[in-house]
Amino acid sequence: MVTTSTRTSNPAIWALAVGVGGGGCSVDTRDDPQPTQTMTSVASSATEPTTVTDADTSGAGGSTAVGVDGTAGEKLDLGVMAGGCSAIDLLFVIDNSQSMHTYQDALAEQFPAFVSAMFDAIPPGIDVHVGVTTTDFDNQCSAAEATANCQTSSSLADVESHYQPPTSGDDGGNGTQGRLFEWAGKRWFEASSSDDPAALSQWFSGAATAAGEAGCSFEMPVAAAGFATHPANDDTNAGFLRDEDALLVIFFLTDEPDKSPESKDVYAGMIRDAKQGCGGDACVFVAGLVPGCIAGVNQKLWQFMGLFGAEPSWSDITDVAHYDDLVGSVLADAVAQACANIPVG
């Protein structure tokens, strides 16, 4: 299992270890507060990582990037790996509450560079699915919610009143409760790494911004990731997720700490159940643009991102000017490496 830390070509961008910053903040006592593994960050810090890979993120195509194999200007030689995926499912969990307009636009702007670099980095003929779900579990919720010390200020009872899992019925929202967001007549977009990625980029950029800001302020990205793989959502999601020989990439875009009321292990169990044939954790890769404070308090979203073995790549969502340091060839190479290490059979 590859757990390479990542550093971009920008000398001001470094890796951030668990616990850097956020001193004095409380821990989410509604979930397991035990520390998780160190995670890769593309974020400002004074601490240099033990193992780094430099990458040039200046180009949109990714063909000139230094790959995770250390070679410049060449694709990864994935043919020598022990395994290798035949498909990649990219699930974007996008916060659709108020204040997300700038971040949705910024992700949509950087997505074409990422997908072009990823298509360059993986072998031709890899089948790719891209889908979007939101953080909303209470369609048409009008409640206001605040956070303090990177945790919700609401009571557990109040949080649970805005949690309507799909196992309890359909709340009628587009992209809520872990269902895939329908945009331009599609629940997800299918492409091949041999294709021109322009059509995929156009669809995703439209979907990411169409998710909007009308969602509930009780954001539940961890629950959304879990229920996106759950049979309760088969009416909308069936066919998106592949099991054997397929890499699942979960990408979070949220500016708030998670409020999912159940344990992170419940939601992780849903994903593992859906990926049993492939090999479970070895077939899941997590990344995201998330609140920087979640590391310092070991918040549920931070805990969840560290559950699946491979070291997640992440950056502070508020650092919009440097989205290209993560959402580009750095993330593309990390996804290509994860694909290369999918277990055989």
Protein backbone atom coordinates (compact mmCIF):
# COMPACT_ATOMS: atom_id res chain seq x y z
CA MET A 1 0.00 0.00 0.00
CA VAL A 2 1.47 3.33 -1.06
CA THR A 3 1.28 6.11 1.52
CA THR A 4 3.57 8.69 -0.09
CA SER A 5 3.38 12.20 1.29
CA THR A 6 3.06 14.92 -1.33
CA ARG A 7 4.66 18.30 -1.82
CA THR A 8 3.92 20.57 -4.74
CA SER A 9 6.43 22.66 -6.68
CA ASN A 10 5.28 25.78 -4.81
CA PRO A 11 7.93 26.24 -2.06
CA ALA A 12 5.32 27.78 0.26
CA ILE A 13 3.16 24.64 0.18
CA TRP A 14 4.10 21.82 2.57
CA ALA A 15 2.63 18.73 4.15
CA LEU A 16 0.66 19.14 7.37
CA ALA A 17 0.70 16.36 9.97
CA VAL A 18 -2.10 15.46 12.34
CA GLY A 19 -2.28 17.90 15.25
CA VAL A 20 -0.51 20.86 13.60
CA GLY A 21 -2.56 23.91 14.50
CA GLY A 22 -5.96 23.97 16.17
CA GLY A 23 -4.53 23.81 19.68
CA GLY A 24 -7.00 24.09 22.52
CA CYS A 25 -9.98 22.89 20.49
CA SER A 26 -12.33 20.20 21.69
CA VAL A 27 -12.66 16.69 20.28
CA ASP A 28 -15.86 15.33 18.76
CA THR A 29 -17.08 13.14 21.60
CA ARG A 30 -19.87 11.61 19.50
CA ASP A 31 -17.35 9.43 17.68
CA ASP A 32 -14.09 7.63 18.27
CA PRO A 33 -11.62 10.34 19.34
CA GLN A 34 -8.54 8.17 18.85
CA PRO A 35 -5.91 9.63 16.52
CA THR A 36 -5.84 8.43 12.94
CA GLN A 37 -2.81 8.06 10.67
CA THR A 38 -0.89 11.08 9.43
CA MET A 39 -2.52 12.46 6.29
CA THR A 40 -1.09 14.29 3.32
CA SER A 41 -1.93 17.95 3.04
CA VAL A 42 -1.24 20.50 0.39
CA ALA A 43 -1.37 23.33 2.93
CA SER A 44 0.88 25.88 4.57
CA SER A 45 3.07 24.61 7.40
CA ALA A 46 6.58 24.97 8.73
CA THR A 47 7.11 21.23 8.91
CA GLU A 48 8.67 19.42 5.95
CA PRO A 49 7.40 15.86 5.36
CA THR A 50 9.70 12.90 5.73
CA THR A 51 8.91 11.59 2.25
CA VAL A 52 7.96 13.99 -0.52
CA THR A 53 7.29 13.94 -4.22
CA ASP A 54 7.74 17.20 -6.11
CA ALA A 55 5.24 17.92 -8.85
CA ASP A 56 4.93 20.72 -11.38
CA THR A 57 1.31 21.81 -11.32
CA SER A 58 1.71 24.67 -13.77
CA GLY A 59 0.33 22.80 -16.80
CA ALA A 60 -3.28 21.79 -17.31
CA GLY A 61 -2.47 18.54 -19.07
CA GLY A 62 -0.22 17.01 -16.47
CA SER A 63 2.16 15.53 -19.07
CA THR A 64 5.13 17.49 -17.72
CA ALA A 65 4.51 16.66 -14.07
CA VAL A 66 6.93 14.66 -11.98
CA GLY A 67 4.96 11.51 -11.28
CA VAL A 68 4.86 9.48 -8.10
CA ASP A 69 7.40 7.14 -9.67
CA GLY A 70 9.88 10.02 -9.78
CA THR A 71 10.10 10.31 -13.58
CA ALA A 72 9.63 13.63 -15.30
CA GLY A 73 7.66 14.19 -18.46
CA GLU A 74 6.40 10.61 -18.74
CA LYS A 75 3.34 8.67 -17.72
CA LEU A 76 3.57 6.24 -14.86
CA ASP A 77 4.77 2.83 -16.02
CA LEU A 78 1.77 1.06 -14.55
CA GLY A 79 2.43 -2.12 -16.49
CA VAL A 80 5.04 -3.26 -13.96
CA MET A 81 2.67 -3.06 -11.00
CA ALA A 82 1.35 -6.19 -9.30
CA GLY A 83 -2.27 -5.16 -9.78
CA GLY A 84 -4.07 -2.45 -11.63
CA CYS A 85 -7.64 -1.19 -11.93
CA SER A 86 -9.81 -1.49 -15.01
CA ALA A 87 -12.21 1.23 -13.84
CA ILE A 88 -12.23 4.36 -11.65
CA ASP A 89 -15.35 5.71 -9.92
CA LEU A 90 -14.96 9.33 -8.80
CA LEU A 91 -17.52 10.37 -6.17
CA PHE A 92 -17.55 14.09 -5.35
CA VAL A 93 -19.34 14.92 -2.08
CA ILE A 94 -20.13 18.61 -2.48
CA ASP A 95 -21.41 20.84 0.31
CA ASN A 96 -24.51 22.61 -1.02
CA SER A 97 -25.19 24.86 1.96
CA GLN A 98 -24.90 28.64 2.06
CA SER A 99 -21.39 30.10 1.56
CA MET A 100 -20.30 27.42 -0.94
CA HIS A 101 -20.62 29.40 -4.19
CA THR A 102 -16.97 30.49 -4.36
CA TYR A 103 -15.65 27.02 -3.54
CA GLN A 104 -17.90 25.22 -6.00
CA ASP A 105 -16.83 27.62 -8.76
CA ALA A 106 -13.16 27.18 -7.90
CA LEU A 107 -13.39 23.38 -7.98
CA ALA A 108 -15.25 23.49 -11.30
CA GLU A 109 -12.52 25.73 -12.70
CA GLN A 110 -9.72 23.33 -11.69
CA PHE A 111 -11.48 20.07 -12.64
CA PRO A 112 -10.45 20.12 -16.33
CA ALA A 113 -6.77 20.27 -15.36
CA PHE A 114 -7.23 17.36 -12.96
CA VAL A 115 -9.10 15.08 -15.34
CA SER A 116 -6.69 15.83 -18.21
CA ALA A 117 -3.72 15.03 -15.97
CA MET A 118 -5.42 11.87 -14.72
CA PHE A 119 -6.16 10.64 -18.26
CA ASP A 120 -2.48 11.28 -19.06
CA ALA A 121 -1.31 9.39 -15.98
CA ILE A 122 -3.41 6.22 -16.27
CA PRO A 123 -3.31 3.67 -19.10
CA PRO A 124 -5.64 4.12 -22.09
CA GLY A 125 -8.99 2.36 -21.98
CA ILE A 126 -9.68 2.79 -18.24
CA ASP A 127 -13.44 3.27 -17.79
CA VAL A 128 -14.21 6.31 -15.61
CA HIS A 129 -17.47 7.22 -13.84
CA VAL A 130 -17.84 10.68 -12.26
CA GLY A 131 -20.77 11.46 -9.97
CA VAL A 132 -21.79 14.13 -7.46
CA THR A 133 -23.77 13.92 -4.25
CA THR A 134 -24.40 16.64 -1.67
CA THR A 135 -24.08 16.96 2.11
CA ASP A 136 -27.87 17.41 2.56
CA PHE A 137 -30.00 14.89 4.49
CA ASP A 138 -33.03 17.15 5.05
CA ASN A 139 -34.43 18.50 1.79
CA GLN A 140 -35.82 22.05 2.04
CA CYS A 141 -34.41 22.41 5.54
CA SER A 142 -34.43 26.05 6.63
CA ALA A 143 -32.69 25.64 9.98
CA ALA A 144 -29.67 27.73 10.91
CA GLU A 145 -26.70 25.95 12.47
CA ALA A 146 -23.44 27.30 13.88
CA THR A 147 -20.09 25.80 14.85
CA ALA A 148 -17.61 26.53 17.63
CA ASN A 149 -14.16 25.00 18.04
CA CYS A 150 -14.73 23.14 14.76
CA GLN A 151 -17.79 21.32 16.13
CA THR A 152 -21.51 21.95 15.82
CA SER A 153 -23.06 24.09 18.54
CA SER A 154 -26.34 22.19 18.22
CA SER A 155 -27.48 19.36 20.45
CA LEU A 156 -27.41 15.78 19.21
CA ALA A 157 -31.21 15.78 19.23
CA ASP A 158 -31.25 18.84 16.96
CA VAL A 159 -28.71 17.25 14.61
CA GLU A 160 -30.74 14.04 14.43
CA SER A 161 -33.89 16.00 13.61
CA HIS A 162 -32.20 17.02 10.34
CA TYR A 163 -30.92 13.53 9.53
CA GLN A 164 -33.26 11.59 7.27
CA PRO A 165 -31.35 8.59 5.93
CA PRO A 166 -32.65 6.95 2.73
CA THR A 167 -33.45 3.83 4.73
CA SER A 168 -36.28 5.89 6.28
CA GLY A 169 -37.66 7.11 2.95
CA ASP A 170 -36.91 9.51 0.09
CA ASP A 171 -36.93 13.19 1.08
CA GLY A 172 -37.48 14.18 -2.56
CA GLY A 173 -34.28 16.15 -3.06
CA ASN A 174 -31.94 15.99 -6.04
CA GLY A 175 -28.60 14.69 -4.76
CA THR A 176 -29.71 14.46 -1.12
CA GLN A 177 -29.39 11.47 1.26
CA GLY A 178 -26.40 10.12 -0.68
CA ARG A 179 -28.26 9.97 -3.99
CA LEU A 180 -26.34 11.08 -7.07
CA PHE A 181 -27.14 14.58 -8.28
CA GLU A 182 -28.86 14.62 -11.67
CA TRP A 183 -27.49 17.19 -14.07
CA ALA A 184 -28.12 17.55 -17.82
CA GLY A 185 -30.12 14.33 -17.77
CA LYS A 186 -27.30 12.26 -16.19
CA ARG A 187 -26.78 10.91 -12.67
CA TRP A 188 -23.13 10.34 -13.55
CA PHE A 189 -20.86 10.80 -16.53
CA GLU A 190 -19.06 7.87 -18.14
CA ALA A 191 -15.85 8.29 -20.13
CA SER A 192 -12.72 6.42 -21.11
CA SER A 193 -9.17 7.53 -20.42
CA SER A 194 -8.69 7.21 -24.19
CA ASP A 195 -11.31 9.94 -24.76
CA ASP A 196 -10.99 13.68 -25.08
CA PRO A 197 -11.97 14.74 -21.51
CA ALA A 198 -13.65 17.97 -22.62
CA ALA A 199 -17.21 16.63 -22.47
CA LEU A 200 -16.66 15.16 -19.00
CA SER A 201 -15.15 18.43 -17.77
CA GLN A 202 -18.10 20.40 -19.11
CA TRP A 203 -20.63 18.10 -17.44
CA PHE A 204 -18.85 18.07 -14.07
CA SER A 205 -18.28 21.83 -13.99
CA GLY A 206 -21.99 22.33 -14.57
CA ALA A 207 -23.01 19.75 -11.95
CA ALA A 208 -20.61 21.04 -9.27
CA THR A 209 -22.00 24.56 -9.47
CA ALA A 210 -25.62 23.51 -10.03
CA ALA A 211 -25.50 21.74 -6.64
CA GLY A 212 -26.04 25.26 -5.36
CA GLU A 213 -26.40 26.69 -1.86
CA ALA A 214 -29.94 25.76 -0.88
CA GLY A 215 -28.96 22.68 1.13
CA CYS A 216 -29.35 22.16 4.84
CA SER A 217 -26.79 23.87 7.09
CA PHE A 218 -26.40 20.58 9.00
CA GLU A 219 -23.78 19.25 6.57
CA MET A 220 -23.24 15.47 6.64
CA PRO A 221 -20.52 14.61 4.10
CA VAL A 222 -19.44 11.37 5.82
CA ALA A 223 -23.00 10.04 5.78
CA ALA A 224 -23.33 11.09 2.13
CA ALA A 225 -20.22 9.14 1.16
CA GLY A 226 -21.50 6.04 2.91
CA PHE A 227 -25.06 6.15 1.61
CA ALA A 228 -23.86 6.83 -1.94
CA THR A 229 -22.76 3.17 -1.91
CA HIS A 230 -25.77 1.79 0.02
CA PRO A 231 -28.48 -0.39 -1.58
CA ALA A 232 -31.14 2.01 -0.25
CA ASN A 233 -30.13 4.36 -3.08
CA ASP A 234 -30.07 1.79 -5.87
CA ASP A 235 -33.00 3.49 -7.63
CA THR A 236 -30.72 6.41 -8.52
CA ASN A 237 -27.17 5.16 -7.97
CA ALA A 238 -27.14 1.57 -9.28
CA GLY A 239 -24.52 1.16 -11.99
CA PHE A 240 -22.31 4.04 -10.85
CA LEU A 241 -20.15 2.04 -8.45
CA ARG A 242 -18.19 -0.97 -9.70
CA ASP A 243 -16.65 -3.50 -7.32
CA GLU A 244 -14.00 -5.88 -8.70
CA ASP A 245 -10.92 -4.24 -10.24
CA ALA A 246 -12.37 -0.74 -9.74
CA LEU A 247 -10.92 2.11 -7.69
CA LEU A 248 -13.37 4.28 -5.73
CA VAL A 249 -12.15 7.85 -5.22
CA ILE A 250 -14.09 9.91 -2.66
CA PHE A 251 -13.47 13.67 -2.88
CA PHE A 252 -14.95 16.00 -0.25
CA LEU A 253 -15.65 19.69 -0.85
CA THR A 254 -16.97 21.29 2.34
CA ASP A 255 -16.24 24.35 4.46
CA GLU A 256 -17.85 22.95 7.62
CA PRO A 257 -17.06 20.11 10.05
CA ASP A 258 -19.16 16.99 9.63
CA LYS A 259 -22.42 16.55 11.58
CA SER A 260 -23.31 12.97 10.58
CA PRO A 261 -24.91 11.55 13.75
CA GLU A 262 -23.83 7.92 13.43
CA SER A 263 -20.32 6.55 13.95
CA LYS A 264 -17.84 6.98 11.11
CA ASP A 265 -17.44 3.19 11.17
CA VAL A 266 -21.11 2.73 10.22
CA TYR A 267 -20.60 4.76 7.05
CA ALA A 268 -17.21 3.22 6.32
CA GLY A 269 -18.83 -0.19 6.66
CA MET A 270 -21.26 0.68 3.86
CA ILE A 271 -18.35 1.47 1.56
CA ARG A 272 -16.40 -1.65 2.54
CA ASP A 273 -19.47 -3.81 1.92
CA ALA A 274 -19.76 -2.33 -1.57
CA LYS A 275 -16.06 -2.98 -2.30
CA GLN A 276 -15.65 -6.49 -0.90
CA GLY A 277 -15.00 -8.14 -4.24
CA CYS A 278 -12.23 -5.70 -5.09
CA GLY A 279 -10.46 -5.93 -1.76
CA GLY A 280 -12.08 -3.40 0.56
CA ASP A 281 -9.83 -0.61 1.82
CA ALA A 282 -7.19 -1.24 -0.86
CA CYS A 283 -9.74 -0.11 -3.46
CA VAL A 284 -10.73 3.21 -1.82
CA PHE A 285 -8.82 6.50 -2.07
CA VAL A 286 -9.92 9.67 -0.24
CA ALA A 287 -9.07 13.31 -0.93
CA GLY A 288 -10.66 16.69 -0.39
CA LEU A 289 -10.76 20.41 0.10
CA VAL A 290 -11.93 20.63 3.71
CA PRO A 291 -11.82 22.91 6.78
CA GLY A 292 -8.25 23.14 8.06
CA CYS A 293 -9.46 22.97 11.67
CA ILE A 294 -10.66 19.34 11.43
CA ALA A 295 -7.10 18.04 11.85
CA GLY A 296 -6.42 19.82 15.13
CA VAL A 297 -9.56 18.50 16.83
CA ASN A 298 -9.58 15.06 15.14
CA GLN A 299 -13.09 15.80 13.90
CA LYS A 300 -15.24 13.01 12.44
CA LEU A 301 -14.52 14.02 8.84
CA TRP A 302 -10.78 13.88 9.58
CA GLN A 303 -11.16 10.49 11.24
CA PHE A 304 -13.13 9.13 8.30
CA MET A 305 -10.60 10.34 5.72
CA GLY A 306 -7.91 8.26 7.42
CA LEU A 307 -9.77 4.96 7.55
CA PHE A 308 -8.93 3.42 4.19
CA GLY A 309 -5.21 2.68 4.26
CA ALA A 310 -3.90 4.88 1.47
CA GLU A 311 -2.88 8.31 2.74
CA PRO A 312 -5.50 10.90 1.75
CA SER A 313 -4.52 14.10 -0.05
CA TRP A 314 -6.20 17.25 1.20
CA SER A 315 -5.95 21.01 1.43
CA ASP A 316 -7.71 23.83 3.29
CA ILE A 317 -10.85 24.76 1.34
CA THR A 318 -10.40 28.45 2.11
CA ASP A 319 -7.08 28.60 0.21
CA VAL A 320 -8.84 29.10 -3.12
CA ALA A 321 -5.77 30.66 -4.75
CA HIS A 322 -3.91 27.34 -4.45
CA TYR A 323 -6.59 24.84 -5.51
CA ASP A 324 -4.41 24.04 -8.50
CA ASP A 325 -1.74 22.68 -6.13
CA LEU A 326 -4.06 19.81 -5.19
CA VAL A 327 -6.65 19.56 -7.96
CA GLY A 328 -4.24 18.95 -10.82
CA SER A 329 -1.33 16.65 -11.52
CA VAL A 330 -0.65 16.03 -7.79
CA LEU A 331 -4.05 14.45 -7.24
CA ALA A 332 -4.02 12.85 -10.69
CA ASP A 333 -0.75 11.06 -9.98
CA ALA A 334 -2.00 9.93 -6.57
CA VAL A 335 -5.14 8.47 -8.14
CA ALA A 336 -3.05 6.77 -10.86
CA GLN A 337 -0.83 5.19 -8.22
CA ALA A 338 -3.85 3.99 -6.24
CA CYS A 339 -5.28 2.51 -9.44
CA ALA A 340 -2.01 0.74 -10.13
CA ASN A 341 -2.07 -0.89 -6.73
CA ILE A 342 -5.56 -2.39 -6.93
CA PRO A 343 -5.20 -6.10 -6.04
CA VAL A 344 -5.20 -8.60 -8.89
CA GLY A 345 -8.45 -10.58 -9.16
